[in-house]
């Protein structure tokens, strides 16, 4: 996750924690449910990740 724009150590931890507590991501749009990922950051990430 270090190579993704705007994703540092704290946000990466939040993404992993979300994934672990919700049984993984079923859709890239679920990234918006992670604390710290708003509309702008989601727009930067959505085309750079896959599920």
PDB file of N, CA and C in Angstrom:
ATOM      1  N   UNK A   1       0.809  -1.197   0.000  1.00  0.00           N
ATOM      2  CA  UNK A   1       0.000   0.000   0.000  1.00  0.00           C
ATOM      3  C   UNK A   1       0.849   1.255   0.000  1.00  0.00           C
ATOM      4  N   UNK A   2       2.127   1.085   0.315  1.00  0.00           N
ATOM      5  CA  UNK A   2       3.027   2.239   0.384  1.00  0.00           C
ATOM      6  C   UNK A   2       3.137   2.985  -0.938  1.00  0.00           C
ATOM      7  N   UNK A   3       2.863   2.306  -2.035  1.00  0.00           N
ATOM      8  CA  UNK A   3       3.011   2.944  -3.344  1.00  0.00           C
ATOM      9  C   UNK A   3       1.756   3.699  -3.775  1.00  0.00           C
ATOM     10  N   UNK A   4       0.674   3.561  -3.030  1.00  0.00           N
ATOM     11  CA  UNK A   4      -0.558   4.260  -3.385  1.00  0.00           C
ATOM     12  C   UNK A   4      -0.489   5.719  -2.945  1.00  0.00           C
ATOM     13  N   UNK A   5      -0.987   6.622  -3.779  1.00  0.00           N
ATOM     14  CA  UNK A   5      -0.911   8.050  -3.447  1.00  0.00           C
ATOM     15  C   UNK A   5      -1.737   8.381  -2.198  1.00  0.00           C
ATOM     16  N   UNK A   6      -1.093   9.047  -1.250  1.00  0.00           N
ATOM     17  CA  UNK A   6      -1.798   9.496  -0.061  1.00  0.00           C
ATOM     18  C   UNK A   6      -2.032   8.429   0.992  1.00  0.00           C
ATOM     19  N   UNK A   7      -1.477   7.226   0.799  1.00  0.00           N
ATOM     20  CA  UNK A   7      -1.651   6.162   1.780  1.00  0.00           C
ATOM     21  C   UNK A   7      -0.342   5.979   2.544  1.00  0.00           C
ATOM     22  N   UNK A   8      -0.384   6.422   3.778  1.00  0.00           N
ATOM     23  CA  UNK A   8       0.774   6.256   4.644  1.00  0.00           C
ATOM     24  C   UNK A   8       0.529   5.121   5.621  1.00  0.00           C
ATOM     25  N   UNK A   9       1.368   5.053   6.622  1.00  0.00           N
ATOM     26  CA  UNK A   9       1.298   3.974   7.598  1.00  0.00           C
ATOM     27  C   UNK A   9      -0.039   3.923   8.346  1.00  0.00           C
ATOM     28  N   UNK A  10      -0.545   5.077   8.757  1.00  0.00           N
ATOM     29  CA  UNK A  10      -1.784   5.119   9.535  1.00  0.00           C
ATOM     30  C   UNK A  10      -2.978   4.680   8.688  1.00  0.00           C
ATOM     31  N   UNK A  11      -3.095   5.223   7.495  1.00  0.00           N
ATOM     32  CA  UNK A  11      -4.219   4.861   6.639  1.00  0.00           C
ATOM     33  C   UNK A  11      -4.131   3.402   6.196  1.00  0.00           C
ATOM     34  N   UNK A  12      -2.943   2.937   5.924  1.00  0.00           N
ATOM     35  CA  UNK A  12      -2.764   1.530   5.563  1.00  0.00           C
ATOM     36  C   UNK A  12      -3.252   0.637   6.699  1.00  0.00           C
ATOM     37  N   UNK A  13      -2.951   0.981   7.932  1.00  0.00           N
ATOM     38  CA  UNK A  13      -3.402   0.212   9.094  1.00  0.00           C
ATOM     39  C   UNK A  13      -4.918   0.222   9.174  1.00  0.00           C
ATOM     40  N   UNK A  14      -5.546   1.368   8.903  1.00  0.00           N
ATOM     41  CA  UNK A  14      -7.010   1.452   8.928  1.00  0.00           C
ATOM     42  C   UNK A  14      -7.629   0.563   7.854  1.00  0.00           C
ATOM     43  N   UNK A  15      -7.011   0.523   6.686  1.00  0.00           N
ATOM     44  CA  UNK A  15      -7.514  -0.324   5.592  1.00  0.00           C
ATOM     45  C   UNK A  15      -7.416  -1.790   5.992  1.00  0.00           C
ATOM     46  N   UNK A  16      -6.293  -2.193   6.542  1.00  0.00           N
ATOM     47  CA  UNK A  16      -6.107  -3.582   6.973  1.00  0.00           C
ATOM     48  C   UNK A  16      -7.091  -3.926   8.091  1.00  0.00           C
ATOM     49  N   UNK A  17      -7.246  -3.026   9.055  1.00  0.00           N
ATOM     50  CA  UNK A  17      -8.179  -3.269  10.153  1.00  0.00           C
ATOM     51  C   UNK A  17      -9.608  -3.421   9.642  1.00  0.00           C
ATOM     52  N   UNK A  18      -9.994  -2.567   8.700  1.00  0.00           N
ATOM     53  CA  UNK A  18     -11.333  -2.661   8.117  1.00  0.00           C
ATOM     54  C   UNK A  18     -11.507  -4.007   7.419  1.00  0.00           C
ATOM     55  N   UNK A  19     -10.529  -4.378   6.635  1.00  0.00           N
ATOM     56  CA  UNK A  19     -10.585  -5.643   5.894  1.00  0.00           C
ATOM     57  C   UNK A  19     -10.719  -6.825   6.857  1.00  0.00           C
ATOM     58  N   UNK A  20      -9.937  -6.815   7.913  1.00  0.00           N
ATOM     59  CA  UNK A  20      -9.976  -7.916   8.869  1.00  0.00           C
ATOM     60  C   UNK A  20     -11.297  -7.978   9.630  1.00  0.00           C
ATOM     61  N   UNK A  21     -11.871  -6.845   9.961  1.00  0.00           N
ATOM     62  CA  UNK A  21     -13.107  -6.847  10.743  1.00  0.00           C
ATOM     63  C   UNK A  21     -14.362  -7.046   9.900  1.00  0.00           C
ATOM     64  N   UNK A  22     -14.238  -6.872   8.578  1.00  0.00           N
ATOM     65  CA  UNK A  22     -15.407  -7.023   7.708  1.00  0.00           C
ATOM     66  C   UNK A  22     -15.278  -8.198   6.736  1.00  0.00           C
ATOM     67  N   UNK A  23     -14.280  -9.019   6.929  1.00  0.00           N
ATOM     68  CA  UNK A  23     -14.142 -10.199   6.073  1.00  0.00           C
ATOM     69  C   UNK A  23     -13.661  -9.890   4.671  1.00  0.00           C
ATOM     70  N   UNK A  24     -12.919  -8.847   4.491  1.00  0.00           N
ATOM     71  CA  UNK A  24     -12.389  -8.502   3.177  1.00  0.00           C
ATOM     72  C   UNK A  24     -13.282  -7.535   2.427  1.00  0.00           C
ATOM     73  N   UNK A  25     -12.758  -7.029   1.355  1.00  0.00           N
ATOM     74  CA  UNK A  25     -13.506  -6.109   0.497  1.00  0.00           C
ATOM     75  C   UNK A  25     -14.180  -6.893  -0.617  1.00  0.00           C
ATOM     76  N   UNK A  26     -15.426  -6.582  -0.879  1.00  0.00           N
ATOM     77  CA  UNK A  26     -16.140  -7.199  -1.994  1.00  0.00           C
ATOM     78  C   UNK A  26     -16.211  -6.254  -3.195  1.00  0.00           C
ATOM     79  N   UNK A  27     -15.945  -4.982  -2.929  1.00  0.00           N
ATOM     80  CA  UNK A  27     -16.022  -3.963  -3.972  1.00  0.00           C
ATOM     81  C   UNK A  27     -15.060  -2.831  -3.618  1.00  0.00           C
ATOM     82  N   UNK A  28     -14.422  -2.281  -4.611  1.00  0.00           N
ATOM     83  CA  UNK A  28     -13.480  -1.180  -4.383  1.00  0.00           C
ATOM     84  C   UNK A  28     -14.170  -0.004  -3.688  1.00  0.00           C
ATOM     85  N   UNK A  29     -15.435   0.199  -3.969  1.00  0.00           N
ATOM     86  CA  UNK A  29     -16.174   1.317  -3.368  1.00  0.00           C
ATOM     87  C   UNK A  29     -16.217   1.233  -1.848  1.00  0.00           C
ATOM     88  N   UNK A  30     -16.012   0.053  -1.279  1.00  0.00           N
ATOM     89  CA  UNK A  30     -15.999  -0.089   0.175  1.00  0.00           C
ATOM     90  C   UNK A  30     -14.837   0.665   0.814  1.00  0.00           C
ATOM     91  N   UNK A  31     -13.848   1.032   0.042  1.00  0.00           N
ATOM     92  CA  UNK A  31     -12.761   1.844   0.590  1.00  0.00           C
ATOM     93  C   UNK A  31     -13.305   3.130   1.210  1.00  0.00           C
ATOM     94  N   UNK A  32     -14.406   3.612   0.694  1.00  0.00           N
ATOM     95  CA  UNK A  32     -15.003   4.840   1.213  1.00  0.00           C
ATOM     96  C   UNK A  32     -15.502   4.669   2.641  1.00  0.00           C
ATOM     97  N   UNK A  33     -15.662   3.423   3.087  1.00  0.00           N
ATOM     98  CA  UNK A  33     -16.101   3.155   4.455  1.00  0.00           C
ATOM     99  C   UNK A  33     -14.951   3.222   5.452  1.00  0.00           C
ATOM    100  N   UNK A  34     -13.730   3.299   4.965  1.00  0.00           N
ATOM    101  CA  UNK A  34     -12.559   3.362   5.834  1.00  0.00           C
ATOM    102  C   UNK A  34     -12.364   4.804   6.292  1.00  0.00           C
ATOM    103  N   UNK A  35     -12.201   4.969   7.594  1.00  0.00           N
ATOM    104  CA  UNK A  35     -11.963   6.302   8.146  1.00  0.00           C
ATOM    105  C   UNK A  35     -10.716   6.914   7.517  1.00  0.00           C
ATOM    106  N   UNK A  36     -10.856   8.119   6.991  1.00  0.00           N
ATOM    107  CA  UNK A  36      -9.726   8.804   6.372  1.00  0.00           C
ATOM    108  C   UNK A  36      -9.744   8.761   4.856  1.00  0.00           C
ATOM    109  N   UNK A  37     -10.685   8.003   4.297  1.00  0.00           N
ATOM    110  CA  UNK A  37     -10.809   7.967   2.830  1.00  0.00           C
ATOM    111  C   UNK A  37     -12.111   8.661   2.458  1.00  0.00           C
ATOM    112  N   UNK A  38     -11.959   9.887   2.047  1.00  0.00           N
ATOM    113  CA  UNK A  38     -13.110  10.671   1.602  1.00  0.00           C
ATOM    114  C   UNK A  38     -13.222  10.621   0.088  1.00  0.00           C
ATOM    115  N   UNK A  39     -14.059  11.466  -0.449  1.00  0.00           N
ATOM    116  CA  UNK A  39     -14.318  11.474  -1.891  1.00  0.00           C
ATOM    117  C   UNK A  39     -13.056  11.698  -2.715  1.00  0.00           C
ATOM    118  N   UNK A  40     -12.251  12.657  -2.309  1.00  0.00           N
ATOM    119  CA  UNK A  40     -11.055  12.998  -3.075  1.00  0.00           C
ATOM    120  C   UNK A  40     -10.028  11.862  -3.063  1.00  0.00           C
ATOM    121  N   UNK A  41      -9.750  11.328  -1.889  1.00  0.00           N
ATOM    122  CA  UNK A  41      -8.773  10.251  -1.793  1.00  0.00           C
ATOM    123  C   UNK A  41      -9.289   9.002  -2.518  1.00  0.00           C
ATOM    124  N   UNK A  42     -10.584   8.724  -2.389  1.00  0.00           N
ATOM    125  CA  UNK A  42     -11.174   7.579  -3.094  1.00  0.00           C
ATOM    126  C   UNK A  42     -11.000   7.749  -4.606  1.00  0.00           C
ATOM    127  N   UNK A  43     -11.228   8.951  -5.103  1.00  0.00           N
ATOM    128  CA  UNK A  43     -11.069   9.215  -6.529  1.00  0.00           C
ATOM    129  C   UNK A  43      -9.630   8.948  -6.974  1.00  0.00           C
ATOM    130  N   UNK A  44      -8.666   9.268  -6.108  1.00  0.00           N
ATOM    131  CA  UNK A  44      -7.254   9.008  -6.428  1.00  0.00           C
ATOM    132  C   UNK A  44      -6.922   7.519  -6.426  1.00  0.00           C
ATOM    133  N   UNK A  45      -7.610   6.744  -5.607  1.00  0.00           N
ATOM    134  CA  UNK A  45      -7.266   5.337  -5.408  1.00  0.00           C
ATOM    135  C   UNK A  45      -8.054   4.350  -6.263  1.00  0.00           C
ATOM    136  N   UNK A  46      -9.300   4.660  -6.576  1.00  0.00           N
ATOM    137  CA  UNK A  46     -10.206   3.662  -7.155  1.00  0.00           C
ATOM    138  C   UNK A  46      -9.688   2.990  -8.424  1.00  0.00           C
ATOM    139  N   UNK A  47      -8.940   3.683  -9.233  1.00  0.00           N
ATOM    140  CA  UNK A  47      -8.436   3.088 -10.465  1.00  0.00           C
ATOM    141  C   UNK A  47      -7.078   2.404 -10.286  1.00  0.00           C
ATOM    142  N   UNK A  48      -6.552   2.469  -9.071  1.00  0.00           N
ATOM    143  CA  UNK A  48      -5.233   1.907  -8.806  1.00  0.00           C
ATOM    144  C   UNK A  48      -5.289   0.622  -7.983  1.00  0.00           C
ATOM    145  N   UNK A  49      -6.486   0.228  -7.553  1.00  0.00           N
ATOM    146  CA  UNK A  49      -6.637  -0.984  -6.737  1.00  0.00           C
ATOM    147  C   UNK A  49      -7.691  -1.903  -7.347  1.00  0.00           C
ATOM    148  N   UNK A  50      -7.584  -3.170  -7.012  1.00  0.00           N
ATOM    149  CA  UNK A  50      -8.572  -4.153  -7.446  1.00  0.00           C
ATOM    150  C   UNK A  50      -8.975  -4.999  -6.249  1.00  0.00           C
ATOM    151  N   UNK A  51     -10.101  -5.652  -6.375  1.00  0.00           N
ATOM    152  CA  UNK A  51     -10.593  -6.544  -5.325  1.00  0.00           C
ATOM    153  C   UNK A  51     -10.566  -7.957  -5.844  1.00  0.00           C
TER     154      UNK A  51
END
